[in-house]
Amino acid sequence: KRSHAQNAGYHAMITPWCRDEGHQIDELKRDLLKAIFGHVEHTNVISGEVSQVPAKKHTSGLSVQEFCLLIEETMRIAAECGYVLISPQEYKEAKVEAEKQARKSAKAAA
């Protein structure tokens, strides 16, 4: 199954999109899961109303491979919507590089 780090990275990746576009994270994730993994029909047992729900309902049930697909496809869909996302890997690499530069600067200043 996907790791906690993958999940945290995914949330960090989509949070700016949600914030800037006024989306709720859970709603965006649900719609992305439907777009990427498809949907199934669900009949409400009380009302009889039929709705479409994601075939993969939660990111917690995804395999590592499925989660990688989720990240890649989320970035593609966001780009199609005019929003550029930073992948968790790119974010992590930039953070490591920034920390290296900060140590280098501190060393030079000392």
Protein backbone atom coordinates (compact mmCIF):
# COMPACT_ATOMS: atom_id res chain seq x y z
CA LYS A 1 0.00 0.00 0.00
CA ARG A 2 0.98 3.60 -0.40
CA SER A 3 3.17 5.11 2.29
CA HIS A 4 2.30 7.85 4.73
CA ALA A 5 4.96 10.01 3.05
CA GLN A 6 3.26 9.54 -0.34
CA ASN A 7 -0.09 10.55 1.12
CA ALA A 8 1.36 13.61 2.87
CA GLY A 9 3.15 14.59 -0.35
CA TYR A 10 -0.05 14.26 -2.35
CA HIS A 11 -1.98 16.44 0.06
CA ALA A 12 0.80 19.04 -0.01
CA MET A 13 0.76 18.91 -3.81
CA ILE A 14 -2.98 19.55 -4.22
CA THR A 15 -3.45 21.98 -1.30
CA PRO A 16 -2.37 25.10 -3.27
CA TRP A 17 -4.74 24.14 -6.10
CA CYS A 18 -7.60 23.73 -3.63
CA ARG A 19 -6.78 26.99 -1.88
CA ASP A 20 -6.39 29.02 -5.06
CA GLU A 21 -9.47 27.61 -6.79
CA GLY A 22 -11.72 27.37 -3.71
CA HIS A 23 -12.01 23.56 -3.73
CA GLN A 24 -12.39 21.35 -0.68
CA ILE A 25 -9.55 18.79 -0.58
CA ASP A 26 -11.87 15.81 -0.05
CA GLU A 27 -14.11 16.87 -2.93
CA LEU A 28 -11.18 17.38 -5.30
CA LYS A 29 -9.68 14.02 -4.29
CA ARG A 30 -13.05 12.30 -4.87
CA ASP A 31 -13.38 13.85 -8.32
CA LEU A 32 -9.79 12.99 -9.21
CA LEU A 33 -10.24 9.38 -8.06
CA LYS A 34 -13.33 9.13 -10.29
CA ALA A 35 -11.53 10.70 -13.26
CA ILE A 36 -8.46 8.49 -12.91
CA PHE A 37 -9.83 5.14 -11.72
CA GLY A 38 -13.40 5.33 -12.98
CA HIS A 39 -16.66 5.14 -11.10
CA VAL A 40 -19.43 2.76 -10.16
CA GLU A 41 -23.10 3.40 -9.63
CA HIS A 42 -24.35 3.43 -6.08
CA THR A 43 -28.01 3.18 -5.14
CA ASN A 44 -28.95 4.88 -1.89
CA VAL A 45 -30.82 2.20 0.05
CA ILE A 46 -33.05 4.78 1.72
CA SER A 47 -33.98 7.11 -1.12
CA GLY A 48 -33.33 4.86 -4.10
CA GLU A 49 -31.29 7.67 -5.66
CA VAL A 50 -28.55 6.46 -7.98
CA SER A 51 -25.22 8.29 -8.00
CA GLN A 52 -21.72 7.74 -9.27
CA VAL A 53 -18.99 7.07 -6.73
CA PRO A 54 -15.29 6.50 -7.33
CA ALA A 55 -14.33 2.89 -8.05
CA LYS A 56 -11.39 3.55 -5.69
CA LYS A 57 -13.05 5.37 -2.80
CA HIS A 58 -10.01 6.21 -0.67
CA THR A 59 -6.35 6.88 -1.35
CA SER A 60 -5.50 4.71 1.66
CA GLY A 61 -6.46 1.59 -0.31
CA LEU A 62 -4.20 2.35 -3.27
CA SER A 63 -1.07 0.38 -3.99
CA VAL A 64 2.21 2.24 -4.45
CA GLN A 65 1.86 1.86 -8.22
CA GLU A 66 -1.73 3.15 -8.19
CA PHE A 67 -0.68 6.07 -6.01
CA CYS A 68 2.11 6.96 -8.46
CA LEU A 69 -0.50 6.92 -11.23
CA LEU A 70 -2.74 9.15 -9.09
CA ILE A 71 0.07 11.70 -8.69
CA GLU A 72 0.98 11.69 -12.39
CA GLU A 73 -2.61 11.92 -13.59
CA THR A 74 -3.47 14.59 -11.03
CA MET A 75 -0.63 16.71 -12.39
CA ARG A 76 -1.87 16.16 -15.96
CA ILE A 77 -5.47 17.00 -15.10
CA ALA A 78 -4.40 20.10 -13.17
CA ALA A 79 -2.35 21.25 -16.18
CA GLU A 80 -5.37 20.76 -18.44
CA CYS A 81 -7.28 23.00 -16.01
CA GLY A 82 -4.51 25.62 -16.27
CA TYR A 83 -2.92 24.85 -12.91
CA VAL A 84 0.69 23.70 -12.55
CA LEU A 85 1.39 21.44 -9.59
CA ILE A 86 4.76 20.58 -8.10
CA SER A 87 5.17 16.84 -7.62
CA PRO A 88 6.07 15.58 -4.15
CA GLN A 89 9.44 14.40 -5.51
CA GLU A 90 10.22 17.80 -7.06
CA TYR A 91 9.21 19.52 -3.82
CA LYS A 92 11.42 17.21 -1.77
CA GLU A 93 14.41 17.72 -4.08
CA ALA A 94 13.97 21.52 -4.02
CA LYS A 95 13.75 21.48 -0.23
CA VAL A 96 16.94 19.43 0.09
CA GLU A 97 18.72 21.77 -2.32
CA ALA A 98 17.51 24.85 -0.42
CA GLU A 99 18.79 23.36 2.83
CA LYS A 100 22.18 22.69 1.21
CA GLN A 101 22.34 26.27 -0.04
CA ALA A 102 21.38 27.61 3.40
CA ARG A 103 24.16 25.59 5.07
CA LYS A 104 26.60 26.75 2.40
CA SER A 105 25.61 30.39 2.95
CA ALA A 106 25.85 30.04 6.73
CA LYS A 107 29.29 28.47 6.41
CA ALA A 108 30.48 31.26 4.10
CA ALA A 109 29.16 33.92 6.47
CA ALA A 110 30.94 32.38 9.48
